Amino acid sequence: MRAGNEIVTLTLNAAEGVTPQNLKVEFSYFSGRIAWRPIVVSAALLLLGNIAGALMFGREIVQTVRARRRAHAAGRRRSVPIQATICPHAPS
């Protein structure tokens, strides 16, 4: 169901000998269930795209996260306190 219509007209100025042109835009407003259809379809496509991306790249992301965690844990085990490396005579 159409709830309303609005027409907006704008005259574009002439530039260097070109004749002026009119720009006309028509807005249509809907009411009822049909008004929600574009929003629902857009949200469904967005959700479908996110799920497809997770399925396509899920393994690579998990492998990258695991590798970073392992590297971080290995770095923590081998690390030397910062204070000892900067100034060896500083009190602890």
Foldseek 3Di string as FASTA:
>chain_A
DWPDKDKDKDWADDDPPRDIDIDIDMDIHDDDPVNCVVVVVVVVVVVVVVVVVCVVCVVVVVVVVVVVVVVVVVCVVPDDDPVCVPDVPDDD
